[in-house]
Amino acid sequence: MPGWATADRLTVTPVEGGITNRNFRVDVDRRSFVIRLPGAHTQELGIDRGAERAAAEAAAAAGVGPEVVAYLPDPGILITAFVDGRPVPEATMAEPVTLRIVVDALRAFHGGREIPGRFSPFRIVERYRDTAAGRGVLVPEVYPSLHERATAIEEALGSFTARPCHNDLLNANFIRSADRLIIVDYEYAGMGDVFFDLGNLSTNHDFDDGADVALLEAYFGDVTRARLARLKLMRIMSDFREGMWGVVQQGLSSLDFDYATYATRHLERCRRGAEDSRVATWLEDVSSDSGR
């Protein structure tokens, strides 16, 4: 990086908590940055570092992402401005004021410029299964039944208008900075279904039925049966993706993280969701165009 080698003050501090990459805060004179060093074999997770850069730049342009300072294509190192802020407590995400701020940020990104690549939770779970099997990782016994349910969900959902989507709305990816909400980590971003983002946000924050209704009201202004059904079905797909991500990471990552437990937790919640007695009704309700 120009000027870094000759800076009067340069300090490097690891940023803890990442479960895919290694991240560092770098203070250079009076500016602070975040450097992301890609984890091992992350391209096999469906991550395109060039697409990540473009998505991060689109988020910054929409006012919801940190400034992209530089991108070093080999080996795909992204450098962004450090965001001085605080975490958003998970327990507060469903509160009306916080939910409105979160929804406004998501809508800004969803309505922003087109980004490279496409994201489908239905294809990514299949990719993770094949990659895991190819690396000698045991594919969970529950996979075939969950994949059968996923196929039914995909057929019921039908077509949609692809929008820029984040697709990885874990609580750690939200930072409250002054009067803005910043969303970080665009590794899995791509053109996709906004209902996956909403379902991903919902299940990652353990929203109950009331919070799901509030989420849809905040995003769309009203709630229809079809919209609620799409959200509920995408919650199932979010856990399926997250669980299979944990499976494939057992054969890819060198980080000290319990991916097996992570996978089991999400796949078990996915199974419970897939067996919910309301699934048949949701599959019928999404046939309405009013929720798309």
Protein backbone atom coordinates (compact mmCIF):
# COMPACT_ATOMS: atom_id res chain seq x y z
CA MET A 1 0.00 0.00 0.00
CA PRO A 2 1.46 3.37 -0.99
CA GLY A 3 2.77 5.27 2.01
CA TRP A 4 2.29 2.52 4.55
CA ALA A 5 5.92 1.43 4.61
CA THR A 6 7.05 4.96 5.39
CA ALA A 7 4.28 5.92 7.81
CA ASP A 8 5.30 7.51 11.10
CA ARG A 9 2.88 5.26 12.95
CA LEU A 10 1.59 1.89 11.87
CA THR A 11 -0.01 -0.69 14.16
CA VAL A 12 -1.72 -3.96 13.30
CA THR A 13 -4.39 -5.48 15.54
CA PRO A 14 -6.24 -8.76 14.85
CA VAL A 15 -10.02 -8.44 14.63
CA GLU A 16 -11.43 -11.45 16.44
CA GLY A 17 -14.63 -13.31 15.64
CA GLY A 18 -14.26 -14.17 11.95
CA ILE A 19 -15.21 -17.74 11.01
CA THR A 20 -14.09 -17.65 7.36
CA ASN A 21 -11.17 -15.23 6.99
CA ARG A 22 -8.52 -13.45 9.03
CA ASN A 23 -9.19 -9.77 9.61
CA PHE A 24 -6.96 -7.01 10.95
CA ARG A 25 -7.32 -3.39 11.94
CA VAL A 26 -4.42 -1.33 10.65
CA ASP A 27 -3.83 2.16 12.01
CA VAL A 28 -1.67 4.24 9.67
CA ASP A 29 -0.84 7.67 11.01
CA ARG A 30 -4.30 9.24 11.49
CA ARG A 31 -6.35 6.77 9.44
CA SER A 32 -7.65 3.33 10.32
CA PHE A 33 -8.41 0.47 7.96
CA VAL A 34 -9.65 -3.12 7.99
CA ILE A 35 -7.73 -5.71 5.97
CA ARG A 36 -9.34 -9.01 5.07
CA LEU A 37 -7.04 -11.93 4.32
CA PRO A 38 -9.07 -14.65 2.56
CA GLY A 39 -9.39 -17.99 4.30
CA ALA A 40 -8.20 -21.22 2.73
CA HIS A 41 -10.14 -22.50 -0.30
CA THR A 42 -12.90 -19.91 0.12
CA GLN A 43 -13.56 -19.99 -3.63
CA GLU A 44 -15.09 -23.41 -2.99
CA LEU A 45 -17.66 -21.70 -0.77
CA GLY A 46 -18.90 -19.82 -3.80
CA ILE A 47 -16.95 -16.67 -2.97
CA ASP A 48 -15.66 -14.53 -5.83
CA ARG A 49 -13.35 -11.87 -4.38
CA GLY A 50 -13.74 -9.56 -7.34
CA ALA A 51 -17.53 -9.77 -7.01
CA GLU A 52 -17.19 -9.14 -3.29
CA ARG A 53 -15.28 -5.96 -4.02
CA ALA A 54 -17.96 -4.75 -6.45
CA ALA A 55 -20.72 -5.51 -3.96
CA ALA A 56 -18.86 -3.69 -1.20
CA GLU A 57 -18.43 -0.67 -3.46
CA ALA A 58 -22.14 -0.75 -4.31
CA ALA A 59 -22.99 -0.86 -0.60
CA ALA A 60 -20.70 2.10 0.07
CA ALA A 61 -22.35 4.02 -2.76
CA ALA A 62 -25.74 3.27 -1.22
CA GLY A 63 -24.54 4.65 2.10
CA VAL A 64 -24.71 1.38 4.00
CA GLY A 65 -21.19 -0.03 3.62
CA PRO A 66 -17.70 1.10 4.59
CA GLU A 67 -15.56 2.88 2.03
CA VAL A 68 -13.54 0.49 -0.14
CA VAL A 69 -9.99 1.82 -0.04
CA ALA A 70 -8.16 -0.78 -2.13
CA TYR A 71 -8.35 -4.25 -3.57
CA LEU A 72 -5.29 -6.42 -4.14
CA PRO A 73 -6.42 -9.10 -6.60
CA ASP A 74 -3.74 -11.62 -5.69
CA PRO A 75 -4.78 -13.20 -3.37
CA GLY A 76 -7.97 -11.14 -3.19
CA ILE A 77 -7.29 -8.83 -0.24
CA LEU A 78 -9.96 -6.22 0.45
CA ILE A 79 -9.06 -3.06 2.35
CA THR A 80 -11.85 -0.88 3.71
CA ALA A 81 -12.07 2.11 5.98
CA PHE A 82 -12.44 1.22 9.65
CA VAL A 83 -15.95 1.99 10.92
CA ASP A 84 -15.97 3.57 14.35
CA GLY A 85 -19.16 2.25 15.87
CA ARG A 86 -20.71 -0.31 18.15
CA PRO A 87 -22.44 -3.67 17.70
CA VAL A 88 -26.21 -3.90 17.49
CA PRO A 89 -27.31 -6.15 20.38
CA GLU A 90 -29.02 -9.20 18.94
CA ALA A 91 -31.86 -8.94 21.45
CA THR A 92 -32.77 -5.45 20.17
CA MET A 93 -32.97 -6.26 16.45
CA ALA A 94 -36.74 -6.81 16.52
CA GLU A 95 -37.45 -3.62 18.43
CA PRO A 96 -39.38 -1.13 16.25
CA VAL A 97 -36.74 1.62 16.16
CA THR A 98 -33.86 -0.76 15.41
CA LEU A 99 -35.91 -2.78 12.92
CA ARG A 100 -36.74 0.37 10.97
CA ILE A 101 -33.06 1.35 10.76
CA VAL A 102 -32.11 -2.16 9.63
CA VAL A 103 -34.86 -2.28 7.02
CA ASP A 104 -33.92 1.13 5.65
CA ALA A 105 -30.34 -0.04 5.20
CA LEU A 106 -31.41 -3.26 3.48
CA ARG A 107 -33.78 -1.43 1.17
CA ALA A 108 -31.00 0.98 0.21
CA PHE A 109 -28.75 -1.91 -0.82
CA HIS A 110 -31.56 -3.87 -2.49
CA GLY A 111 -32.46 -0.79 -4.50
CA GLY A 112 -28.88 0.05 -5.45
CA ARG A 113 -26.90 -0.67 -8.56
CA GLU A 114 -26.64 -4.17 -9.97
CA ILE A 115 -23.76 -6.27 -8.69
CA PRO A 116 -21.88 -9.20 -10.25
CA GLY A 117 -22.97 -12.76 -9.77
CA ARG A 118 -26.16 -14.45 -8.71
CA PHE A 119 -27.04 -16.12 -5.45
CA SER A 120 -29.41 -19.06 -5.09
CA PRO A 121 -29.73 -20.91 -1.77
CA PHE A 122 -31.05 -23.87 -3.72
CA ARG A 123 -27.91 -24.23 -5.84
CA ILE A 124 -25.46 -23.42 -3.06
CA VAL A 125 -26.60 -26.28 -0.79
CA GLU A 126 -26.07 -28.67 -3.70
CA ARG A 127 -22.62 -27.23 -4.34
CA TYR A 128 -21.70 -27.59 -0.67
CA ARG A 129 -22.88 -31.20 -0.65
CA ASP A 130 -20.74 -32.07 -3.68
CA THR A 131 -17.68 -30.22 -2.35
CA ALA A 132 -17.98 -31.82 1.08
CA ALA A 133 -18.28 -35.30 -0.41
CA GLY A 134 -15.31 -34.63 -2.69
CA ARG A 135 -13.19 -33.69 0.32
CA GLY A 136 -14.16 -36.73 2.34
CA VAL A 137 -16.60 -34.99 4.67
CA LEU A 138 -19.62 -37.09 5.61
CA VAL A 139 -22.80 -35.55 4.20
CA PRO A 140 -25.43 -35.54 6.98
CA GLU A 141 -28.17 -38.16 6.79
CA VAL A 142 -30.80 -35.45 6.92
CA TYR A 143 -29.60 -33.89 3.65
CA PRO A 144 -31.84 -35.89 1.23
CA SER A 145 -35.06 -35.07 3.07
CA LEU A 146 -34.12 -31.42 3.41
CA HIS A 147 -33.18 -31.25 -0.26
CA GLU A 148 -36.55 -32.74 -1.17
CA ARG A 149 -38.25 -30.02 0.87
CA ALA A 150 -36.01 -27.37 -0.73
CA THR A 151 -37.04 -28.56 -4.20
CA ALA A 152 -40.71 -28.17 -3.28
CA ILE A 153 -40.01 -24.67 -1.92
CA GLU A 154 -38.14 -23.62 -5.06
CA GLU A 155 -40.96 -24.83 -7.30
CA ALA A 156 -43.59 -23.05 -5.20
CA LEU A 157 -41.70 -19.75 -5.04
CA GLY A 158 -41.42 -19.50 -8.80
CA SER A 159 -39.96 -16.43 -10.48
CA PHE A 160 -38.84 -13.24 -8.78
CA THR A 161 -37.14 -9.96 -9.63
CA ALA A 162 -33.44 -10.29 -8.79
CA ARG A 163 -32.05 -7.51 -6.60
CA PRO A 164 -28.64 -6.92 -4.97
CA CYS A 165 -28.70 -9.05 -1.83
CA HIS A 166 -26.25 -9.49 1.06
CA ASN A 167 -27.15 -13.12 1.87
CA ASP A 168 -25.19 -13.34 5.13
CA LEU A 169 -26.98 -11.15 7.65
CA LEU A 170 -25.39 -12.45 10.83
CA ASN A 171 -25.59 -10.13 13.80
CA ALA A 172 -21.82 -9.50 13.67
CA ASN A 173 -22.23 -7.90 10.25
CA PHE A 174 -24.20 -4.92 11.59
CA ILE A 175 -22.44 -1.86 13.05
CA ARG A 176 -24.24 1.18 14.44
CA SER A 177 -22.14 4.23 13.57
CA ALA A 178 -23.50 7.61 14.72
CA ASP A 179 -26.93 7.89 13.08
CA ARG A 180 -26.21 5.26 10.41
CA LEU A 181 -26.32 1.50 10.24
CA ILE A 182 -23.36 -0.02 8.42
CA ILE A 183 -23.53 -3.55 7.01
CA VAL A 184 -20.20 -5.30 6.41
CA ASP A 185 -18.99 -8.53 4.80
CA TYR A 186 -20.24 -8.87 1.22
CA GLU A 187 -18.56 -12.21 0.44
CA TYR A 188 -21.82 -13.93 -0.48
CA ALA A 189 -23.55 -10.93 -2.03
CA GLY A 190 -25.13 -11.36 -5.43
CA MET A 191 -28.29 -10.72 -7.38
CA GLY A 192 -31.00 -12.72 -5.68
CA ASP A 193 -34.35 -12.83 -3.92
CA VAL A 194 -34.83 -10.13 -1.26
CA PHE A 195 -36.94 -12.64 0.67
CA PHE A 196 -33.82 -14.69 1.29
CA ASP A 197 -32.21 -11.64 2.92
CA LEU A 198 -35.32 -11.09 5.02
CA GLY A 199 -35.56 -14.75 6.00
CA ASN A 200 -31.84 -14.84 6.72
CA LEU A 201 -32.12 -11.78 8.96
CA SER A 202 -35.14 -13.26 10.71
CA THR A 203 -33.77 -16.70 11.52
CA ASN A 204 -30.30 -15.42 12.43
CA HIS A 205 -31.93 -13.22 15.07
CA ASP A 206 -34.52 -15.75 16.26
CA PHE A 207 -37.50 -13.61 15.28
CA ASP A 208 -40.85 -14.96 16.44
CA ASP A 209 -44.04 -14.79 14.39
CA GLY A 210 -44.83 -11.28 15.61
CA ALA A 211 -41.37 -10.02 14.71
CA ASP A 212 -41.68 -11.55 11.23
CA VAL A 213 -44.91 -9.64 10.68
CA ALA A 214 -43.26 -6.44 11.93
CA LEU A 215 -40.33 -7.03 9.57
CA LEU A 216 -42.60 -7.34 6.56
CA GLU A 217 -44.65 -4.32 7.60
CA ALA A 218 -41.47 -2.26 7.92
CA TYR A 219 -40.11 -3.41 4.56
CA PHE A 220 -43.26 -3.44 2.41
CA GLY A 221 -45.74 -1.33 4.34
CA ASP A 222 -48.18 -4.20 4.70
CA VAL A 223 -48.28 -7.98 5.07
CA THR A 224 -49.90 -10.45 2.72
CA ARG A 225 -50.24 -14.19 3.15
CA ALA A 226 -47.90 -14.72 0.21
CA ARG A 227 -45.21 -12.43 1.63
CA LEU A 228 -45.37 -14.06 5.03
CA ALA A 229 -45.19 -17.50 3.43
CA ARG A 230 -42.15 -16.56 1.32
CA LEU A 231 -40.41 -15.23 4.41
CA LYS A 232 -41.12 -18.39 6.41
CA LEU A 233 -39.94 -20.67 3.60
CA MET A 234 -36.77 -18.69 3.13
CA ARG A 235 -36.04 -19.02 6.86
CA ILE A 236 -35.89 -22.77 6.21
CA MET A 237 -33.55 -22.26 3.26
CA SER A 238 -31.34 -19.93 5.31
CA ASP A 239 -30.73 -22.62 7.90
CA PHE A 240 -30.20 -25.23 5.18
CA ARG A 241 -27.53 -23.05 3.56
CA GLU A 242 -25.90 -22.23 6.90
CA GLY A 243 -25.86 -25.86 7.99
CA MET A 244 -24.31 -27.10 4.75
CA TRP A 245 -21.79 -24.24 4.95
CA GLY A 246 -20.72 -25.65 8.29
CA VAL A 247 -20.46 -29.13 6.74
CA VAL A 248 -18.25 -28.10 3.83
CA GLN A 249 -16.04 -25.91 6.04
CA GLN A 250 -14.99 -29.04 7.92
CA GLY A 251 -13.05 -30.03 4.81
CA LEU A 252 -11.81 -26.56 3.87
CA SER A 253 -11.01 -24.25 6.75
CA SER A 254 -7.87 -24.15 8.88
CA LEU A 255 -9.39 -21.75 11.45
CA ASP A 256 -9.92 -22.88 15.03
CA PHE A 257 -13.71 -23.09 14.98
CA ASP A 258 -16.18 -25.90 15.71
CA TYR A 259 -17.83 -26.15 12.30
CA ALA A 260 -19.37 -29.55 13.08
CA THR A 261 -21.41 -28.19 15.99
CA TYR A 262 -22.31 -25.13 13.93
CA ALA A 263 -23.59 -27.34 11.11
CA THR A 264 -25.56 -29.60 13.43
CA ARG A 265 -27.26 -26.66 15.13
CA HIS A 266 -28.45 -25.11 11.87
CA LEU A 267 -29.45 -28.36 10.20
CA GLU A 268 -31.48 -29.37 13.24
CA ARG A 269 -33.31 -26.04 13.20
CA CYS A 270 -33.79 -26.45 9.46
CA ARG A 271 -35.31 -29.90 10.04
CA ARG A 272 -37.72 -28.51 12.60
CA GLY A 273 -38.71 -25.74 10.21
CA ALA A 274 -39.17 -28.14 7.32
CA GLU A 275 -41.46 -30.30 9.48
CA ASP A 276 -43.56 -27.35 10.67
CA SER A 277 -47.24 -28.18 10.19
CA ARG A 278 -47.74 -24.84 8.43
CA VAL A 279 -45.35 -25.59 5.55
CA ALA A 280 -48.10 -27.02 3.32
CA THR A 281 -50.12 -23.83 3.76
CA TRP A 282 -47.08 -21.66 3.06
CA LEU A 283 -46.39 -23.58 -0.15
CA GLU A 284 -49.96 -22.90 -1.27
CA ASP A 285 -49.87 -19.23 -0.24
CA VAL A 286 -46.77 -18.36 -2.27
CA SER A 287 -48.64 -19.14 -5.48
CA SER A 288 -50.11 -15.64 -5.13
CA ASP A 289 -48.25 -12.95 -7.09
CA SER A 290 -49.10 -10.36 -4.43
CA GLY A 291 -46.08 -11.27 -2.34
CA ARG A 292 -43.41 -11.09 -5.02
